[in-house]
C-alpha atoms as a PDB file:
ATOM      1  CA  GLU A   1      47.715 100.956 134.963  1.00  0.00           C
ATOM      2  CA  PRO A   2      51.523 100.486 134.475  1.00  0.00           C
ATOM      3  CA  PRO A   3      52.779  97.552 132.419  1.00  0.00           C
ATOM      4  CA  PRO A   4      53.820  94.490 134.367  1.00  0.00           C
ATOM      5  CA  PRO A   5      57.482  94.427 135.391  1.00  0.00           C
ATOM      6  CA  LEU A   6      59.887  92.667 133.043  1.00  0.00           C
ATOM      7  CA  THR A   7      61.243  89.304 133.966  1.00  0.00           C
ATOM      8  CA  PRO A   8      65.024  88.874 134.337  1.00  0.00           C
ATOM      9  CA  GLN A   9      65.123  87.048 130.992  1.00  0.00           C
ATOM     10  CA  GLU A  10      63.277  89.917 129.290  1.00  0.00           C
ATOM     11  CA  LEU A  11      65.676  92.431 130.873  1.00  0.00           C
ATOM     12  CA  GLN A  12      68.660  90.523 129.459  1.00  0.00           C
ATOM     13  CA  GLU A  13      67.200  90.215 125.951  1.00  0.00           C
ATOM     14  CA  GLY A  14      67.929  93.851 124.875  1.00  0.00           C
ATOM     15  CA  PRO A  15      71.612  93.915 125.868  1.00  0.00           C
ATOM     16  CA  ARG A  16      72.108  90.387 124.465  1.00  0.00           C
ATOM     17  CA  MET A  17      70.752  91.468 121.074  1.00  0.00           C
ATOM     18  CA  GLU A  18      72.925  94.598 121.142  1.00  0.00           C
ATOM     19  CA  VAL A  19      76.022  92.490 121.886  1.00  0.00           C
ATOM     20  CA  GLU A  20      75.163  90.154 119.002  1.00  0.00           C
ATOM     21  CA  VAL A  21      74.828  93.110 116.636  1.00  0.00           C
ATOM     22  CA  LEU A  22      78.147  94.580 117.810  1.00  0.00           C
ATOM     23  CA  GLN A  23      79.842  91.190 117.448  1.00  0.00           C
ATOM     24  CA  GLY A  24      78.578  90.974 113.877  1.00  0.00           C
ATOM     25  CA  VAL A  25      79.866  94.468 113.092  1.00  0.00           C
ATOM     26  CA  HIS A  26      83.233  93.617 114.665  1.00  0.00           C
ATOM     27  CA  ARG A  27      83.462  90.329 112.734  1.00  0.00           C
ATOM     28  CA  GLU A  28      82.756  92.153 109.442  1.00  0.00           C
ATOM     29  CA  ALA A  29      85.386  94.796 110.268  1.00  0.00           C
ATOM     30  CA  CYS A  30      87.943  92.060 111.021  1.00  0.00           C
ATOM     31  CA  GLU A  31      87.171  90.276 107.753  1.00  0.00           C
ATOM     32  CA  ALA A  32      87.448  93.536 105.793  1.00  0.00           C
ATOM     33  CA  TYR A  33      90.778  94.288 107.502  1.00  0.00           C
ATOM     34  CA  ALA A  34      92.113  90.812 106.708  1.00  0.00           C
ATOM     35  CA  GLN A  35      91.047  91.190 103.058  1.00  0.00           C
ATOM     36  CA  ARG A  36      92.626  94.645 102.722  1.00  0.00           C
ATOM     37  CA  SER A  37      95.775  93.478 104.492  1.00  0.00           C
ATOM     38  CA  SER A  38      96.072  90.566 102.072  1.00  0.00           C
ATOM     39  CA  GLU A  39      95.585  92.901  99.083  1.00  0.00           C
ATOM     40  CA  VAL A  40      98.242  95.315 100.350  1.00  0.00           C
ATOM     41  CA  LEU A  41     100.744  92.534 101.026  1.00  0.00           C
ATOM     42  CA  THR A  42     100.144  91.136  97.536  1.00  0.00           C
ATOM     43  CA  ALA A  43     100.621  94.591  95.989  1.00  0.00           C
ATOM     44  CA  VAL A  44     103.858  95.115  97.955  1.00  0.00           C
ATOM     45  CA  ALA A  45     105.186  91.726  96.851  1.00  0.00           C
ATOM     46  CA  GLN A  46     104.305  92.494  93.220  1.00  0.00           C
ATOM     47  CA  ARG A  47     105.988  95.911  93.463  1.00  0.00           C
ATOM     48  CA  ARG A  48     109.143  94.374  94.937  1.00  0.00           C
ATOM     49  CA  GLU A  49     109.272  91.793  92.167  1.00  0.00           C
ATOM     50  CA  ALA A  50     108.775  94.476  89.499  1.00  0.00           C
ATOM     51  CA  VAL A  51     111.554  96.604  90.993  1.00  0.00           C
ATOM     52  CA  ARG A  52     113.865  93.567  91.197  1.00  0.00           C
ATOM     53  CA  ALA A  53     113.159  92.716  87.567  1.00  0.00           C
ATOM     54  CA  GLN A  54     113.818  96.276  86.429  1.00  0.00           C
ATOM     55  CA  LEU A  55     116.951  96.597  88.554  1.00  0.00           C
ATOM     56  CA  ALA A  56     118.250  93.413  86.951  1.00  0.00           C
ATOM     57  CA  SER A  57     118.583  95.480  83.773  1.00  0.00           C
ATOM     58  CA  ALA A  58     120.240  98.357  85.656  1.00  0.00           C
ATOM     59  CA  PRO A  59     123.895  97.311  85.797  1.00  0.00           C
ATOM     60  CA  VAL A  60     126.169  98.547  83.091  1.00  0.00           C
ATOM     61  CA  ARG A  61     128.397  95.558  82.482  1.00  0.00           C
ATOM     62  CA  SER A  62     131.150  97.134  80.386  1.00  0.00           C
ATOM     63  CA  ARG A  63     132.633 100.514  79.569  1.00  0.00           C
ATOM     64  CA  ASP A  64     131.417 100.162  75.989  1.00  0.00           C
ATOM     65  CA  GLU A  65     127.782  99.657  76.976  1.00  0.00           C
ATOM     66  CA  ASP A  66     125.479 102.667  76.769  1.00  0.00           C
ATOM     67  CA  ASP A  67     124.805 104.134  80.180  1.00  0.00           C
ATOM     68  CA  HIS A  68     122.883 106.919  81.829  1.00  0.00           C
ATOM     69  CA  TRP A  69     123.102 108.659  85.175  1.00  0.00           C
ATOM     70  CA  LEU A  70     120.278 109.249  87.655  1.00  0.00           C
ATOM     71  CA  PRO A  71     120.177 111.044  90.991  1.00  0.00           C
ATOM     72  CA  ALA A  72     120.681 108.354  93.662  1.00  0.00           C
ATOM     73  CA  ALA A  73     117.922 109.856  95.827  1.00  0.00           C
ATOM     74  CA  TRP A  74     115.445 109.705  92.918  1.00  0.00           C
ATOM     75  CA  LEU A  75     116.325 106.052  92.219  1.00  0.00           C
ATOM     76  CA  GLU A  76     115.920 105.177  95.921  1.00  0.00           C
ATOM     77  CA  HIS A  77     112.523 106.940  96.007  1.00  0.00           C
ATOM     78  CA  TRP A  78     111.422 105.003  92.924  1.00  0.00           C
ATOM     79  CA  ALA A  79     112.654 101.671  94.325  1.00  0.00           C
ATOM     80  CA  ALA A  80     110.901 102.225  97.669  1.00  0.00           C
ATOM     81  CA  GLY A  81     107.630 102.564  95.784  1.00  0.00           C
ATOM     82  CA  GLU A  82     105.749 104.180  98.653  1.00  0.00           C
ATOM     83  CA  THR A  83     104.644 107.081  96.472  1.00  0.00           C
ATOM     84  CA  PRO A  84     105.242 107.695  92.778  1.00  0.00           C
ATOM     85  CA  PRO A  85     108.442 109.660  92.240  1.00  0.00           C
ATOM     86  CA  PRO A  86     108.396 113.070  90.603  1.00  0.00           C
ATOM     87  CA  PRO A  87     109.777 113.441  87.073  1.00  0.00           C
ATOM     88  CA  ILE A  88     113.488 112.666  86.802  1.00  0.00           C
ATOM     89  CA  ASP A  89     115.488 115.820  87.557  1.00  0.00           C
ATOM     90  CA  ASN A  90     119.036 115.428  86.306  1.00  0.00           C
ATOM     91  CA  GLN A  91     119.601 119.197  86.365  1.00  0.00           C
ATOM     92  CA  GLN A  92     120.944 118.766  89.892  1.00  0.00           C
ATOM     93  CA  LEU A  93     123.778 116.635  88.497  1.00  0.00           C
ATOM     94  CA  LEU A  94     125.089 119.404  86.253  1.00  0.00           C
ATOM     95  CA  CYS A  95     128.020 121.711  86.916  1.00  0.00           C
ATOM     96  CA  HIS A  96     128.080 125.439  86.160  1.00  0.00           C
ATOM     97  CA  HIS A  97     129.221 124.565  82.611  1.00  0.00           C
ATOM     98  CA  HIS A  98     125.902 122.695  82.108  1.00  0.00           C
ATOM     99  CA  ALA A  99     127.606 119.295  81.827  1.00  0.00           C
ATOM    100  CA  LEU A 100     127.700 116.268  84.123  1.00  0.00           C
ATOM    101  CA  ASP A 101     129.584 117.305  87.272  1.00  0.00           C
ATOM    102  CA  PRO A 102     132.272 114.772  88.280  1.00  0.00           C
ATOM    103  CA  ALA A 103     132.209 116.137  91.846  1.00  0.00           C
ATOM    104  CA  LYS A 104     128.598 114.934  92.183  1.00  0.00           C
ATOM    105  CA  VAL A 105     129.317 111.266  91.374  1.00  0.00           C
ATOM    106  CA  PRO A 106     128.551 110.270  95.017  1.00  0.00           C
ATOM    107  CA  GLN A 107     125.014 111.636  94.499  1.00  0.00           C
ATOM    108  CA  MET A 108     124.323 109.672  91.301  1.00  0.00           C
ATOM    109  CA  LYS A 109     123.876 106.123  90.054  1.00  0.00           C
ATOM    110  CA  ARG A 110     124.971 104.749  86.700  1.00  0.00           C
ATOM    111  CA  VAL A 111     122.289 102.605  85.057  1.00  0.00           C
ATOM    112  CA  SER A 112     121.791 100.936  81.722  1.00  0.00           C
ATOM    113  CA  SER A 113     120.135 102.836  78.912  1.00  0.00           C
ATOM    114  CA  THR A 114     117.371 100.215  78.978  1.00  0.00           C
ATOM    115  CA  LEU A 115     116.409 101.039  82.554  1.00  0.00           C
ATOM    116  CA  PHE A 116     116.845 104.789  82.103  1.00  0.00           C
ATOM    117  CA  HIS A 117     114.590 104.917  79.044  1.00  0.00           C
ATOM    118  CA  HIS A 118     111.987 102.741  80.770  1.00  0.00           C
ATOM    119  CA  LEU A 119     111.944 105.076  83.795  1.00  0.00           C
ATOM    120  CA  GLN A 120     111.957 108.184  81.625  1.00  0.00           C
ATOM    121  CA  SER A 121     109.013 106.900  79.582  1.00  0.00           C
ATOM    122  CA  GLU A 122     107.091 106.214  82.786  1.00  0.00           C
ATOM    123  CA  TYR A 123     108.019 109.316  84.833  1.00  0.00           C
ATOM    124  CA  SER A 124     109.349 111.794  82.215  1.00  0.00           C
ATOM    125  CA  GLY A 125     112.086 114.286  83.018  1.00  0.00           C
ATOM    126  CA  GLY A 126     115.741 114.448  82.144  1.00  0.00           C
ATOM    127  CA  PRO A 127     118.016 115.520  80.631  1.00  0.00           C
ATOM    128  CA  ASP A 128     119.575 112.300  79.356  1.00  0.00           C
ATOM    129  CA  LEU A 129     123.082 112.170  80.797  1.00  0.00           C
ATOM    130  CA  SER A 130     125.631 109.522  79.842  1.00  0.00           C
ATOM    131  CA  SER A 131     129.273 109.123  80.780  1.00  0.00           C
ATOM    132  CA  ALA A 132     130.141 111.020  77.596  1.00  0.00           C
ATOM    133  CA  ASP A 133     128.474 114.091  79.173  1.00  0.00           C
ATOM    134  CA  PHE A 134     131.009 114.593  82.009  1.00  0.00           C
ATOM    135  CA  CYS A 135     132.433 118.102  82.036  1.00  0.00           C
ATOM    136  CA  ASN A 136     135.982 118.097  80.680  1.00  0.00           C
ATOM    137  CA  GLU A 137     136.744 121.467  82.287  1.00  0.00           C
ATOM    138  CA  CYS A 138     135.707 120.218  85.721  1.00  0.00           C
ATOM    139  CA  LEU A 139     137.626 116.962  85.189  1.00  0.00           C
ATOM    140  CA  ARG A 140     140.790 118.912  84.355  1.00  0.00           C
ATOM    141  CA  ALA A 141     140.312 121.107  87.444  1.00  0.00           C
ATOM    142  CA  GLN A 142     140.119 118.102  89.786  1.00  0.00           C
END
C-alpha cells in the first residue's frame, strides 16, 4: 500500500530546510569576503605608507649629495606595488660608450643613495649609476 500523501506543511519542509542551508552558506561567503576585503585594504594601506616613507628619502636635496639613477618605469612599477618588480636594470640607461646616456634623462629618475641602496638590496640589479657616470662624449655631442 502506498504511503499516505504528504500534508502541505510536510511538502514545504524540504525546500525550507534547503533555503536555510543555502542562506547559511551565503552568509559564510559574505563574511569571508568582508574579512578578505578588510585584509586587502589594510595591506594596500600599509604598502602605500611604506612607499611614502621610502620616497621621503628619495629626493636629492643638493648637487653635493650622493645620488643614483633608476629607470622611471621601474620606479613606477615598484611604487604601484601590484606585483614585485624585477631586478633593477640600469643597462637600458647606458649609451653605446657604456656610460649614463644624457639623452635618456626623460626615462630616468634621480634618487638618493639611501633609497637606491635600499631598493638594490631588496630587488638586486644594477649597475649603480650616479651623476658622475654621465657620458662625457655624449654630453659634448649634444
